[in-house]
């Protein structure tokens, strides 16, 4: 089931991805990084932010984002640690600079 992105997730997508890539990045996050992850079956848009911030942070670009959204399905800890979000609210402090 598709879970829409929170405004803060959309904000980070807009900063990290070129305008022509933003919809594809948002779609990947909404469709592949949501309630299909173990432990997040009942999470809402805001509840998914930590995982959804981690995927684009560790991917660095649209081509690698597809692989990054699959990581939490295997082991949630890996992308969260790689992104520097070991604690529950660590992701809230991360706001990337505009990359394009």
N, C-alpha and C. Protein backbone atom coordinates (compact mmCIF):
# COMPACT_ATOMS: atom_id res chain seq x y z
N UNK A 1 0.83 -1.18 0.00
CA UNK A 1 0.00 0.00 0.00
C UNK A 1 0.88 1.25 0.00
N UNK A 2 0.57 2.17 -0.86
CA UNK A 2 1.34 3.41 -0.97
C UNK A 2 1.04 4.32 0.22
N UNK A 3 2.10 4.85 0.79
CA UNK A 3 1.97 5.80 1.90
C UNK A 3 2.60 7.10 1.44
N UNK A 4 1.81 8.16 1.37
CA UNK A 4 2.32 9.45 0.90
C UNK A 4 3.49 9.93 1.75
N UNK A 5 4.22 10.88 1.20
CA UNK A 5 5.37 11.46 1.91
C UNK A 5 4.93 12.61 2.79
N UNK A 6 5.59 12.77 3.90
CA UNK A 6 5.33 13.91 4.78
C UNK A 6 5.90 15.16 4.12
N UNK A 7 5.44 16.33 4.55
CA UNK A 7 6.01 17.58 4.01
C UNK A 7 7.53 17.67 4.23
N UNK A 8 8.03 17.18 5.36
CA UNK A 8 9.48 17.24 5.62
C UNK A 8 10.25 16.29 4.71
N UNK A 9 9.66 15.15 4.39
CA UNK A 9 10.32 14.23 3.45
C UNK A 9 10.35 14.87 2.07
N UNK A 10 9.25 15.48 1.65
CA UNK A 10 9.21 16.16 0.34
C UNK A 10 10.22 17.31 0.30
N UNK A 11 10.40 17.98 1.40
CA UNK A 11 11.37 19.08 1.48
C UNK A 11 12.79 18.57 1.20
N UNK A 12 13.13 17.45 1.77
CA UNK A 12 14.46 16.88 1.57
C UNK A 12 14.64 16.35 0.16
N UNK A 13 13.59 15.76 -0.39
CA UNK A 13 13.64 15.31 -1.80
C UNK A 13 13.90 16.51 -2.71
N UNK A 14 13.24 17.62 -2.44
CA UNK A 14 13.42 18.83 -3.26
C UNK A 14 14.84 19.38 -3.17
N UNK A 15 15.47 19.22 -2.02
CA UNK A 15 16.84 19.71 -1.86
C UNK A 15 17.88 18.78 -2.48
N UNK A 16 17.61 17.49 -2.47
CA UNK A 16 18.60 16.51 -2.92
C UNK A 16 18.53 16.15 -4.40
N UNK A 17 17.35 16.26 -4.99
CA UNK A 17 17.18 15.79 -6.37
C UNK A 17 16.78 16.93 -7.30
N UNK A 18 17.28 16.87 -8.50
CA UNK A 18 16.94 17.86 -9.51
C UNK A 18 15.43 17.86 -9.75
N UNK A 19 14.86 18.99 -10.15
CA UNK A 19 13.41 19.05 -10.37
C UNK A 19 12.87 17.94 -11.27
N UNK A 20 13.60 17.61 -12.31
CA UNK A 20 13.13 16.56 -13.22
C UNK A 20 13.19 15.15 -12.61
N UNK A 21 13.91 14.99 -11.49
CA UNK A 21 14.03 13.69 -10.83
C UNK A 21 13.21 13.58 -9.54
N UNK A 22 12.67 14.69 -9.10
CA UNK A 22 12.00 14.71 -7.80
C UNK A 22 10.77 13.81 -7.74
N UNK A 23 9.97 13.80 -8.76
CA UNK A 23 8.77 12.96 -8.73
C UNK A 23 9.12 11.48 -8.70
N UNK A 24 10.13 11.10 -9.45
CA UNK A 24 10.55 9.70 -9.45
C UNK A 24 11.12 9.31 -8.09
N UNK A 25 11.91 10.19 -7.49
CA UNK A 25 12.46 9.92 -6.16
C UNK A 25 11.33 9.81 -5.13
N UNK A 26 10.39 10.73 -5.19
CA UNK A 26 9.26 10.71 -4.26
C UNK A 26 8.43 9.44 -4.44
N UNK A 27 8.23 9.04 -5.67
CA UNK A 27 7.47 7.84 -5.96
C UNK A 27 8.16 6.59 -5.41
N UNK A 28 9.47 6.50 -5.58
CA UNK A 28 10.23 5.37 -5.03
C UNK A 28 10.08 5.30 -3.51
N UNK A 29 10.20 6.43 -2.86
CA UNK A 29 10.08 6.46 -1.40
C UNK A 29 8.66 6.09 -0.97
N UNK A 30 7.65 6.62 -1.66
CA UNK A 30 6.27 6.36 -1.29
C UNK A 30 5.88 4.90 -1.52
N UNK A 31 6.33 4.34 -2.62
CA UNK A 31 5.92 2.98 -2.99
C UNK A 31 6.78 1.88 -2.39
N UNK A 32 8.07 2.15 -2.22
CA UNK A 32 8.99 1.09 -1.82
C UNK A 32 9.55 1.23 -0.40
N UNK A 33 9.27 2.34 0.23
CA UNK A 33 9.84 2.59 1.56
C UNK A 33 8.72 3.11 2.46
N UNK A 34 7.82 2.19 2.80
CA UNK A 34 6.65 2.57 3.59
C UNK A 34 6.20 1.44 4.48
N UNK A 35 4.90 1.18 4.46
CA UNK A 35 4.32 0.16 5.33
C UNK A 35 4.72 -1.26 4.95
N UNK A 36 5.51 -1.42 3.91
CA UNK A 36 6.01 -2.74 3.53
C UNK A 36 7.28 -3.12 4.30
N UNK A 37 7.75 -2.25 5.16
CA UNK A 37 8.94 -2.51 5.98
C UNK A 37 8.48 -3.08 7.32
N UNK A 38 9.13 -4.17 7.73
CA UNK A 38 8.77 -4.81 8.98
C UNK A 38 8.86 -3.82 10.13
N UNK A 39 7.82 -3.82 10.95
CA UNK A 39 7.78 -2.92 12.10
C UNK A 39 7.11 -1.59 11.81
N UNK A 40 6.77 -1.34 10.56
CA UNK A 40 6.17 -0.06 10.18
C UNK A 40 4.80 -0.25 9.52
N UNK A 41 4.16 -1.36 9.76
CA UNK A 41 2.87 -1.68 9.13
C UNK A 41 1.81 -0.62 9.42
N UNK A 42 1.87 -0.04 10.58
CA UNK A 42 0.86 0.95 10.98
C UNK A 42 1.39 2.38 11.05
N UNK A 43 2.59 2.58 10.57
CA UNK A 43 3.20 3.92 10.63
C UNK A 43 2.50 4.87 9.68
N UNK A 44 2.48 6.13 10.06
CA UNK A 44 1.94 7.17 9.18
C UNK A 44 3.10 7.88 8.49
N UNK A 45 2.80 8.92 7.74
CA UNK A 45 3.82 9.64 6.97
C UNK A 45 4.95 10.14 7.86
N UNK A 46 4.58 10.70 8.99
CA UNK A 46 5.60 11.23 9.90
C UNK A 46 6.39 10.10 10.55
N UNK A 47 5.74 9.01 10.85
CA UNK A 47 6.40 7.87 11.46
C UNK A 47 7.43 7.21 10.55
N UNK A 48 7.32 7.45 9.25
CA UNK A 48 8.25 6.87 8.28
C UNK A 48 9.44 7.78 7.99
N UNK A 49 9.45 8.99 8.54
CA UNK A 49 10.48 9.96 8.18
C UNK A 49 11.90 9.46 8.43
N UNK A 50 12.15 8.84 9.55
CA UNK A 50 13.52 8.40 9.86
C UNK A 50 14.07 7.48 8.78
N UNK A 51 13.25 6.53 8.34
CA UNK A 51 13.66 5.59 7.30
C UNK A 51 13.73 6.31 5.95
N UNK A 52 12.76 7.14 5.68
CA UNK A 52 12.70 7.84 4.40
C UNK A 52 13.74 8.94 4.26
N UNK A 53 14.24 9.47 5.32
CA UNK A 53 15.35 10.42 5.25
C UNK A 53 16.65 9.66 5.01
N UNK A 54 16.76 8.48 5.60
CA UNK A 54 18.01 7.71 5.49
C UNK A 54 18.29 7.27 4.05
N UNK A 55 17.28 6.80 3.35
CA UNK A 55 17.49 6.27 1.99
C UNK A 55 18.12 7.31 1.05
N UNK A 56 17.56 8.50 0.90
CA UNK A 56 18.22 9.47 0.01
C UNK A 56 19.55 9.98 0.55
N UNK A 57 19.68 10.04 1.87
CA UNK A 57 20.95 10.51 2.43
C UNK A 57 22.09 9.56 2.07
N UNK A 58 21.87 8.27 2.19
CA UNK A 58 22.95 7.32 1.90
C UNK A 58 23.09 7.04 0.42
N UNK A 59 22.05 7.28 -0.36
CA UNK A 59 22.13 6.96 -1.79
C UNK A 59 22.94 8.00 -2.57
N UNK A 60 22.70 9.26 -2.28
CA UNK A 60 23.45 10.31 -2.97
C UNK A 60 22.90 10.71 -4.33
N UNK A 61 22.19 9.81 -5.01
CA UNK A 61 21.60 10.18 -6.30
C UNK A 61 20.43 9.26 -6.64
N UNK A 62 19.71 9.62 -7.67
CA UNK A 62 18.50 8.89 -8.05
C UNK A 62 18.80 7.44 -8.44
N UNK A 63 19.91 7.22 -9.13
CA UNK A 63 20.23 5.87 -9.60
C UNK A 63 20.48 4.90 -8.43
N UNK A 64 21.05 5.40 -7.36
CA UNK A 64 21.34 4.55 -6.20
C UNK A 64 20.18 4.50 -5.21
N UNK A 65 19.20 5.38 -5.38
CA UNK A 65 18.07 5.43 -4.46
C UNK A 65 17.27 4.13 -4.50
N UNK A 66 17.14 3.54 -5.65
CA UNK A 66 16.38 2.29 -5.77
C UNK A 66 16.96 1.20 -4.86
N UNK A 67 18.27 1.08 -4.83
CA UNK A 67 18.91 0.10 -3.95
C UNK A 67 18.77 0.51 -2.48
N UNK A 68 18.85 1.80 -2.22
CA UNK A 68 18.77 2.29 -0.84
C UNK A 68 17.40 2.07 -0.22
N UNK A 69 16.33 2.13 -1.00
CA UNK A 69 15.00 1.90 -0.43
C UNK A 69 14.76 0.42 -0.14
N UNK A 70 15.57 -0.45 -0.72
CA UNK A 70 15.44 -1.88 -0.44
C UNK A 70 16.16 -2.28 0.85
N UNK A 71 17.14 -1.53 1.28
CA UNK A 71 17.93 -1.88 2.46
C UNK A 71 17.10 -2.07 3.73
N UNK A 72 16.16 -1.16 4.04
CA UNK A 72 15.39 -1.36 5.28
C UNK A 72 14.52 -2.61 5.26
N UNK A 73 14.21 -3.11 4.10
CA UNK A 73 13.41 -4.34 4.01
C UNK A 73 14.22 -5.55 4.49
N UNK A 74 15.53 -5.47 4.36
CA UNK A 74 16.41 -6.56 4.78
C UNK A 74 16.81 -6.43 6.24
N UNK A 75 17.26 -5.24 6.61
CA UNK A 75 17.67 -4.98 7.98
C UNK A 75 17.62 -3.47 8.19
N UNK A 76 16.69 -3.05 8.95
CA UNK A 76 16.44 -1.62 9.18
C UNK A 76 17.64 -0.91 9.79
N UNK A 77 18.42 -1.62 10.56
CA UNK A 77 19.53 -0.97 11.27
C UNK A 77 20.61 -0.46 10.34
N UNK A 78 20.89 -1.19 9.27
CA UNK A 78 21.97 -0.81 8.36
C UNK A 78 21.81 0.59 7.78
N UNK A 79 20.68 0.90 7.13
CA UNK A 79 20.56 2.25 6.57
C UNK A 79 20.49 3.34 7.64
N UNK A 80 19.88 3.04 8.77
CA UNK A 80 19.79 4.05 9.82
C UNK A 80 21.17 4.38 10.39
N UNK A 81 22.00 3.37 10.58
CA UNK A 81 23.36 3.61 11.08
C UNK A 81 24.20 4.30 10.02
N UNK A 82 24.09 3.87 8.78
CA UNK A 82 24.86 4.49 7.69
C UNK A 82 24.52 5.96 7.51
N UNK A 83 23.26 6.29 7.73
CA UNK A 83 22.81 7.68 7.58
C UNK A 83 23.15 8.54 8.80
N UNK A 84 23.56 7.90 9.89
CA UNK A 84 23.86 8.65 11.11
C UNK A 84 22.62 8.93 11.94
N UNK A 85 21.63 8.04 11.85
CA UNK A 85 20.38 8.19 12.59
C UNK A 85 20.18 7.07 13.61
N UNK A 86 21.14 6.81 14.48
CA UNK A 86 20.99 5.70 15.42
C UNK A 86 19.89 5.92 16.46
N UNK A 87 19.66 7.15 16.84
CA UNK A 87 18.64 7.45 17.83
C UNK A 87 17.34 7.88 17.14
N UNK A 88 16.24 7.70 17.81
CA UNK A 88 14.92 7.90 17.23
C UNK A 88 14.72 9.27 16.59
N UNK A 89 15.25 10.32 17.16
CA UNK A 89 15.01 11.67 16.64
C UNK A 89 16.20 12.27 15.90
N UNK A 90 17.25 11.51 15.67
CA UNK A 90 18.44 12.04 15.00
C UNK A 90 18.13 12.59 13.61
N UNK A 91 17.22 11.97 12.90
CA UNK A 91 16.90 12.39 11.53
C UNK A 91 16.32 13.79 11.48
N UNK A 92 15.68 14.23 12.56
CA UNK A 92 15.04 15.55 12.57
C UNK A 92 16.06 16.68 12.50
N UNK A 93 17.29 16.41 12.88
CA UNK A 93 18.35 17.42 12.86
C UNK A 93 19.00 17.56 11.49
N UNK A 94 18.72 16.62 10.59
CA UNK A 94 19.38 16.60 9.28
C UNK A 94 18.55 17.33 8.24
N UNK A 95 19.13 18.39 7.70
CA UNK A 95 18.54 19.10 6.57
C UNK A 95 19.68 19.34 5.58
N UNK A 96 19.64 18.63 4.45
CA UNK A 96 20.75 18.74 3.51
C UNK A 96 20.77 20.09 2.80
N UNK A 97 21.94 20.43 2.32
CA UNK A 97 22.04 21.61 1.47
C UNK A 97 21.53 21.22 0.09
N UNK A 98 21.10 22.19 -0.65
CA UNK A 98 20.62 21.94 -2.00
C UNK A 98 21.78 21.42 -2.84
N UNK A 99 21.56 20.27 -3.50
CA UNK A 99 22.64 19.63 -4.23
C UNK A 99 22.69 20.00 -5.71
N UNK A 100 21.72 20.66 -6.20
CA UNK A 100 21.72 20.93 -7.65
C UNK A 100 21.67 22.40 -7.93
